[in-house]
Amino acid sequence: MSIPEISVKELKRRLDAGDSLVLVDVREPHEHSAGNIGGTLIPMGEIPARMDELDADQEIVVYCRTGNRSTRVAEFLQDSGFDKVLNLTGGIRAWSNEIDPSVGKF
């Protein structure tokens, strides 16, 4: 099953439009503190134990540094019954490069 993706430009457009999206940062705490886009921090290794914090009825955008970890988390969530999961293409690096250079790329 392929994971739907969302580009940083599309995510920015949807956030600016006030769309109801849940952002989940699956990086480690030190990465999150270096720069984030407002997502809830749930490190990849904690996702199985903390899935109950997420609402399967909401659209969830998962991101990490470059998109690799978040793809794996999105697959896990999809396999666990979350059918509205999107992976942020290019992760926080793409956000920093294309949207807001003040966001750290860590």
N, C-alpha and C. Protein backbone atom coordinates (compact mmCIF):
# COMPACT_ATOMS: atom_id res chain seq x y z
N MET A 1 0.85 -1.17 0.00
CA MET A 1 0.00 0.00 0.00
C MET A 1 0.90 1.24 0.00
N SER A 2 0.63 2.15 -0.90
CA SER A 2 1.47 3.35 -0.96
C SER A 2 0.95 4.41 0.00
N ILE A 3 1.86 5.22 0.46
CA ILE A 3 1.53 6.27 1.42
C ILE A 3 1.28 7.57 0.66
N PRO A 4 0.11 8.17 0.85
CA PRO A 4 -0.13 9.47 0.22
C PRO A 4 0.84 10.51 0.78
N GLU A 5 1.29 11.40 -0.09
CA GLU A 5 2.23 12.43 0.33
C GLU A 5 1.63 13.81 0.12
N ILE A 6 2.16 14.76 0.85
CA ILE A 6 1.77 16.15 0.69
C ILE A 6 3.06 16.97 0.59
N SER A 7 3.11 17.88 -0.37
CA SER A 7 4.29 18.72 -0.52
C SER A 7 4.27 19.82 0.54
N VAL A 8 5.43 20.41 0.80
CA VAL A 8 5.49 21.48 1.78
C VAL A 8 4.66 22.68 1.31
N LYS A 9 4.63 22.93 0.01
CA LYS A 9 3.85 24.06 -0.52
C LYS A 9 2.35 23.82 -0.32
N GLU A 10 1.91 22.58 -0.56
CA GLU A 10 0.50 22.25 -0.36
C GLU A 10 0.14 22.31 1.13
N LEU A 11 1.04 21.81 1.98
CA LEU A 11 0.78 21.87 3.42
C LEU A 11 0.67 23.33 3.87
N LYS A 12 1.58 24.18 3.43
CA LYS A 12 1.54 25.60 3.79
C LYS A 12 0.22 26.22 3.33
N ARG A 13 -0.20 25.91 2.10
CA ARG A 13 -1.45 26.44 1.57
C ARG A 13 -2.62 26.00 2.43
N ARG A 14 -2.64 24.74 2.79
CA ARG A 14 -3.76 24.21 3.59
C ARG A 14 -3.76 24.76 5.00
N LEU A 15 -2.58 24.92 5.60
CA LEU A 15 -2.51 25.52 6.94
C LEU A 15 -2.98 26.97 6.89
N ASP A 16 -2.54 27.71 5.88
CA ASP A 16 -2.96 29.11 5.73
C ASP A 16 -4.46 29.22 5.51
N ALA A 17 -5.04 28.20 4.87
CA ALA A 17 -6.49 28.20 4.60
C ALA A 17 -7.30 27.78 5.83
N GLY A 18 -6.59 27.36 6.89
CA GLY A 18 -7.27 26.96 8.11
C GLY A 18 -7.80 25.54 8.11
N ASP A 19 -7.29 24.72 7.20
CA ASP A 19 -7.71 23.31 7.17
C ASP A 19 -7.34 22.63 8.49
N SER A 20 -8.20 21.72 8.89
CA SER A 20 -7.97 20.99 10.14
C SER A 20 -7.02 19.82 9.88
N LEU A 21 -5.75 20.03 10.20
CA LEU A 21 -4.73 19.01 10.03
C LEU A 21 -4.01 18.81 11.34
N VAL A 22 -3.67 17.57 11.64
CA VAL A 22 -2.88 17.26 12.82
C VAL A 22 -1.46 16.99 12.33
N LEU A 23 -0.51 17.79 12.81
CA LEU A 23 0.90 17.60 12.45
C LEU A 23 1.59 16.78 13.53
N VAL A 24 2.29 15.73 13.10
CA VAL A 24 3.01 14.88 14.04
C VAL A 24 4.47 14.81 13.62
N ASP A 25 5.34 15.29 14.50
CA ASP A 25 6.79 15.29 14.29
C ASP A 25 7.34 14.00 14.91
N VAL A 26 7.90 13.11 14.08
CA VAL A 26 8.38 11.82 14.59
C VAL A 26 9.90 11.81 14.81
N ARG A 27 10.51 13.00 14.81
CA ARG A 27 11.94 13.10 15.09
C ARG A 27 12.18 12.98 16.59
N GLU A 28 13.43 13.06 16.97
CA GLU A 28 13.81 12.99 18.38
C GLU A 28 13.67 14.39 19.01
N PRO A 29 13.55 14.46 20.35
CA PRO A 29 13.35 15.76 21.01
C PRO A 29 14.40 16.82 20.66
N HIS A 30 15.68 16.44 20.56
CA HIS A 30 16.70 17.44 20.23
C HIS A 30 16.51 17.99 18.82
N GLU A 31 16.00 17.18 17.90
CA GLU A 31 15.74 17.65 16.54
C GLU A 31 14.55 18.60 16.55
N HIS A 32 13.51 18.23 17.29
CA HIS A 32 12.29 19.04 17.39
C HIS A 32 12.61 20.42 17.97
N SER A 33 13.44 20.45 19.02
CA SER A 33 13.75 21.73 19.66
C SER A 33 14.62 22.61 18.77
N ALA A 34 15.36 22.01 17.82
CA ALA A 34 16.20 22.78 16.92
C ALA A 34 15.38 23.50 15.85
N GLY A 35 14.18 23.01 15.59
CA GLY A 35 13.32 23.64 14.60
C GLY A 35 12.12 22.77 14.30
N ASN A 36 10.93 23.36 14.39
CA ASN A 36 9.74 22.58 14.07
C ASN A 36 8.68 23.49 13.47
N ILE A 37 7.62 22.88 12.95
CA ILE A 37 6.56 23.65 12.29
C ILE A 37 5.24 23.56 13.07
N GLY A 38 5.38 23.29 14.36
CA GLY A 38 4.20 23.29 15.21
C GLY A 38 3.57 21.94 15.45
N GLY A 39 4.21 20.89 14.99
CA GLY A 39 3.64 19.57 15.17
C GLY A 39 3.82 19.03 16.57
N THR A 40 2.98 18.08 16.93
CA THR A 40 3.11 17.38 18.20
C THR A 40 4.28 16.41 18.09
N LEU A 41 5.18 16.44 19.05
CA LEU A 41 6.34 15.56 19.03
C LEU A 41 5.96 14.19 19.58
N ILE A 42 6.03 13.19 18.70
CA ILE A 42 5.91 11.79 19.11
C ILE A 42 7.02 11.05 18.37
N PRO A 43 8.19 10.89 19.00
CA PRO A 43 9.30 10.21 18.31
C PRO A 43 8.89 8.86 17.75
N MET A 44 9.49 8.51 16.63
CA MET A 44 9.12 7.29 15.91
C MET A 44 9.00 6.08 16.83
N GLY A 45 9.95 5.89 17.73
CA GLY A 45 9.94 4.73 18.61
C GLY A 45 8.81 4.72 19.62
N GLU A 46 8.17 5.88 19.82
CA GLU A 46 7.07 5.97 20.78
C GLU A 46 5.69 5.85 20.14
N ILE A 47 5.65 5.85 18.81
CA ILE A 47 4.35 5.83 18.12
C ILE A 47 3.46 4.67 18.56
N PRO A 48 3.96 3.42 18.59
CA PRO A 48 3.05 2.32 18.98
C PRO A 48 2.40 2.53 20.35
N ALA A 49 3.16 3.05 21.31
CA ALA A 49 2.64 3.23 22.67
C ALA A 49 1.76 4.48 22.79
N ARG A 50 1.87 5.41 21.84
CA ARG A 50 1.16 6.68 21.96
C ARG A 50 0.11 6.90 20.87
N MET A 51 -0.20 5.84 20.13
CA MET A 51 -1.20 5.97 19.06
C MET A 51 -2.54 6.47 19.56
N ASP A 52 -2.86 6.18 20.82
CA ASP A 52 -4.15 6.59 21.37
C ASP A 52 -4.26 8.11 21.49
N GLU A 53 -3.14 8.82 21.32
CA GLU A 53 -3.17 10.29 21.34
C GLU A 53 -3.64 10.85 20.00
N LEU A 54 -3.73 9.99 19.00
CA LEU A 54 -4.12 10.42 17.66
C LEU A 54 -5.55 10.00 17.36
N ASP A 55 -6.25 10.83 16.62
CA ASP A 55 -7.64 10.58 16.24
C ASP A 55 -7.66 10.10 14.79
N ALA A 56 -8.07 8.85 14.58
CA ALA A 56 -8.07 8.26 13.24
C ALA A 56 -9.05 8.96 12.31
N ASP A 57 -9.98 9.75 12.85
CA ASP A 57 -10.93 10.46 12.01
C ASP A 57 -10.36 11.77 11.47
N GLN A 58 -9.23 12.22 12.02
CA GLN A 58 -8.64 13.46 11.57
C GLN A 58 -7.56 13.19 10.53
N GLU A 59 -7.32 14.18 9.67
CA GLU A 59 -6.24 14.08 8.70
C GLU A 59 -4.93 14.37 9.42
N ILE A 60 -3.99 13.43 9.32
CA ILE A 60 -2.73 13.51 10.04
C ILE A 60 -1.58 13.64 9.04
N VAL A 61 -0.74 14.65 9.25
CA VAL A 61 0.46 14.83 8.44
C VAL A 61 1.65 14.48 9.32
N VAL A 62 2.41 13.47 8.89
CA VAL A 62 3.56 13.00 9.65
C VAL A 62 4.82 13.54 8.98
N TYR A 63 5.77 14.04 9.80
CA TYR A 63 7.01 14.53 9.20
C TYR A 63 8.21 14.21 10.07
N CYS A 64 9.38 14.20 9.42
CA CYS A 64 10.65 14.01 10.11
C CYS A 64 11.66 14.93 9.44
N ARG A 65 12.92 14.57 9.42
CA ARG A 65 13.94 15.45 8.84
C ARG A 65 13.87 15.46 7.32
N THR A 66 13.81 14.25 6.72
CA THR A 66 13.83 14.18 5.25
C THR A 66 12.67 13.38 4.65
N GLY A 67 11.90 12.71 5.49
CA GLY A 67 10.76 11.94 4.99
C GLY A 67 10.88 10.44 5.10
N ASN A 68 12.05 9.95 5.52
CA ASN A 68 12.23 8.49 5.62
C ASN A 68 11.53 7.89 6.84
N ARG A 69 11.82 8.44 8.01
CA ARG A 69 11.17 7.93 9.23
C ARG A 69 9.66 8.12 9.17
N SER A 70 9.25 9.28 8.68
CA SER A 70 7.81 9.55 8.65
C SER A 70 7.08 8.63 7.67
N THR A 71 7.74 8.19 6.62
CA THR A 71 7.12 7.22 5.71
C THR A 71 6.86 5.92 6.45
N ARG A 72 7.83 5.48 7.24
CA ARG A 72 7.65 4.23 7.99
C ARG A 72 6.54 4.38 9.04
N VAL A 73 6.48 5.54 9.69
CA VAL A 73 5.43 5.78 10.68
C VAL A 73 4.07 5.83 9.99
N ALA A 74 4.00 6.49 8.85
CA ALA A 74 2.74 6.57 8.11
C ALA A 74 2.26 5.17 7.70
N GLU A 75 3.18 4.33 7.27
CA GLU A 75 2.82 2.94 6.92
C GLU A 75 2.29 2.21 8.14
N PHE A 76 2.95 2.37 9.28
CA PHE A 76 2.52 1.72 10.52
C PHE A 76 1.12 2.20 10.90
N LEU A 77 0.90 3.52 10.84
CA LEU A 77 -0.42 4.05 11.19
C LEU A 77 -1.49 3.55 10.24
N GLN A 78 -1.15 3.52 8.96
CA GLN A 78 -2.10 3.01 7.96
C GLN A 78 -2.46 1.56 8.27
N ASP A 79 -1.46 0.76 8.57
CA ASP A 79 -1.69 -0.65 8.91
C ASP A 79 -2.49 -0.80 10.20
N SER A 80 -2.48 0.24 11.04
CA SER A 80 -3.20 0.22 12.31
C SER A 80 -4.60 0.84 12.21
N GLY A 81 -5.04 1.12 10.99
CA GLY A 81 -6.40 1.61 10.80
C GLY A 81 -6.55 3.10 10.58
N PHE A 82 -5.45 3.82 10.51
CA PHE A 82 -5.51 5.26 10.22
C PHE A 82 -5.50 5.42 8.70
N ASP A 83 -6.61 5.86 8.13
CA ASP A 83 -6.65 5.96 6.66
C ASP A 83 -6.54 7.38 6.13
N LYS A 84 -6.29 8.34 7.03
CA LYS A 84 -6.13 9.73 6.60
C LYS A 84 -4.76 10.25 6.99
N VAL A 85 -3.73 9.47 6.63
CA VAL A 85 -2.36 9.82 6.98
C VAL A 85 -1.61 10.27 5.73
N LEU A 86 -0.93 11.40 5.84
CA LEU A 86 -0.11 11.92 4.76
C LEU A 86 1.33 12.06 5.25
N ASN A 87 2.27 11.77 4.36
CA ASN A 87 3.68 11.96 4.67
C ASN A 87 4.13 13.28 4.05
N LEU A 88 4.84 14.10 4.81
CA LEU A 88 5.35 15.36 4.28
C LEU A 88 6.59 15.09 3.44
N THR A 89 6.46 15.28 2.13
CA THR A 89 7.56 15.03 1.20
C THR A 89 8.76 15.91 1.52
N GLY A 90 9.90 15.28 1.75
CA GLY A 90 11.13 16.03 2.02
C GLY A 90 11.30 16.49 3.45
N GLY A 91 10.26 16.31 4.28
CA GLY A 91 10.34 16.61 5.70
C GLY A 91 10.69 18.06 6.02
N ILE A 92 11.26 18.23 7.21
CA ILE A 92 11.57 19.57 7.71
C ILE A 92 12.63 20.26 6.85
N ARG A 93 13.50 19.49 6.22
CA ARG A 93 14.50 20.09 5.32
C ARG A 93 13.81 20.79 4.15
N ALA A 94 12.83 20.13 3.56
CA ALA A 94 12.11 20.76 2.44
C ALA A 94 11.35 22.00 2.91
N TRP A 95 10.75 21.92 4.12
CA TRP A 95 10.04 23.08 4.66
C TRP A 95 11.01 24.26 4.81
N SER A 96 12.19 23.99 5.36
CA SER A 96 13.18 25.04 5.57
C SER A 96 13.67 25.60 4.23
N ASN A 97 13.88 24.73 3.25
CA ASN A 97 14.38 25.16 1.94
C ASN A 97 13.35 25.93 1.13
N GLU A 98 12.09 25.50 1.19
CA GLU A 98 11.07 26.04 0.30
C GLU A 98 10.09 27.02 0.94
N ILE A 99 9.90 26.94 2.26
CA ILE A 99 8.87 27.74 2.92
C ILE A 99 9.45 28.75 3.90
N ASP A 100 10.23 28.27 4.86
CA ASP A 100 10.70 29.14 5.93
C ASP A 100 12.12 28.79 6.32
N PRO A 101 13.11 29.53 5.78
CA PRO A 101 14.51 29.23 6.08
C PRO A 101 14.89 29.42 7.54
N SER A 102 14.03 30.06 8.32
CA SER A 102 14.36 30.24 9.74
C SER A 102 14.14 28.96 10.55
N VAL A 103 13.45 27.99 9.96
CA VAL A 103 13.23 26.70 10.64
C VAL A 103 14.48 25.86 10.46
N GLY A 104 15.07 25.43 11.59
CA GLY A 104 16.28 24.61 11.54
C GLY A 104 16.05 23.30 10.81
N LYS A 105 17.05 22.86 10.08
CA LYS A 105 16.92 21.63 9.26
C LYS A 105 17.35 20.39 10.01
N PHE A 106 17.65 20.48 11.28
CA PHE A 106 18.19 19.36 12.04
C PHE A 106 17.29 18.17 11.96
